[in-house]
């Protein structure tokens, strides 16, 4: 998995589709993985 600290949101959108998880949980989980 490629993690870009510059743009975590676009990566999250590409890694986790909105169909599986809601935006809030999606971004939250992404932030936790980044840090």
C-alpha atoms as a PDB file:
ATOM      1  CA  UNK A   1       0.000   0.000   0.000  1.00  0.00           C
ATOM      2  CA  UNK A   2       1.369   3.395  -0.976  1.00  0.00           C
ATOM      3  CA  UNK A   3       0.758   6.046   1.658  1.00  0.00           C
ATOM      4  CA  UNK A   4       0.989   9.716   0.697  1.00  0.00           C
ATOM      5  CA  UNK A   5       0.977  12.098   3.646  1.00  0.00           C
ATOM      6  CA  UNK A   6       0.557  14.988   1.201  1.00  0.00           C
ATOM      7  CA  UNK A   7      -2.923  13.888   0.122  1.00  0.00           C
ATOM      8  CA  UNK A   8      -4.428  11.279   2.484  1.00  0.00           C
ATOM      9  CA  UNK A   9      -8.000  11.950   1.322  1.00  0.00           C
ATOM     10  CA  UNK A  10      -7.564  11.075  -2.386  1.00  0.00           C
ATOM     11  CA  UNK A  11      -5.649   7.928  -1.421  1.00  0.00           C
ATOM     12  CA  UNK A  12      -8.404   6.934   0.996  1.00  0.00           C
ATOM     13  CA  UNK A  13     -11.027   7.412  -1.691  1.00  0.00           C
ATOM     14  CA  UNK A  14      -9.057   5.197  -4.064  1.00  0.00           C
ATOM     15  CA  UNK A  15      -8.132   2.583  -1.458  1.00  0.00           C
ATOM     16  CA  UNK A  16     -11.537   2.342   0.236  1.00  0.00           C
ATOM     17  CA  UNK A  17     -14.596   2.850  -1.984  1.00  0.00           C
ATOM     18  CA  UNK A  18     -17.469   4.830  -0.477  1.00  0.00           C
ATOM     19  CA  UNK A  19     -19.671   1.766  -0.958  1.00  0.00           C
ATOM     20  CA  UNK A  20     -17.953  -0.246   1.773  1.00  0.00           C
ATOM     21  CA  UNK A  21     -17.502   2.424   4.430  1.00  0.00           C
ATOM     22  CA  UNK A  22     -18.990   5.885   5.083  1.00  0.00           C
ATOM     23  CA  UNK A  23     -16.794   8.925   4.424  1.00  0.00           C
ATOM     24  CA  UNK A  24     -16.388   9.667   8.136  1.00  0.00           C
ATOM     25  CA  UNK A  25     -15.223   6.157   9.051  1.00  0.00           C
ATOM     26  CA  UNK A  26     -13.184   5.989   5.845  1.00  0.00           C
ATOM     27  CA  UNK A  27     -11.186   9.139   6.570  1.00  0.00           C
ATOM     28  CA  UNK A  28     -10.930   8.288  10.272  1.00  0.00           C
ATOM     29  CA  UNK A  29      -9.445   4.857   9.576  1.00  0.00           C
ATOM     30  CA  UNK A  30      -7.144   6.375   6.953  1.00  0.00           C
ATOM     31  CA  UNK A  31      -5.808   8.952   9.419  1.00  0.00           C
ATOM     32  CA  UNK A  32      -5.186   6.257  12.028  1.00  0.00           C
ATOM     33  CA  UNK A  33      -3.231   4.155   9.518  1.00  0.00           C
ATOM     34  CA  UNK A  34      -1.177   7.154   8.379  1.00  0.00           C
ATOM     35  CA  UNK A  35      -0.182   7.921  11.968  1.00  0.00           C
END
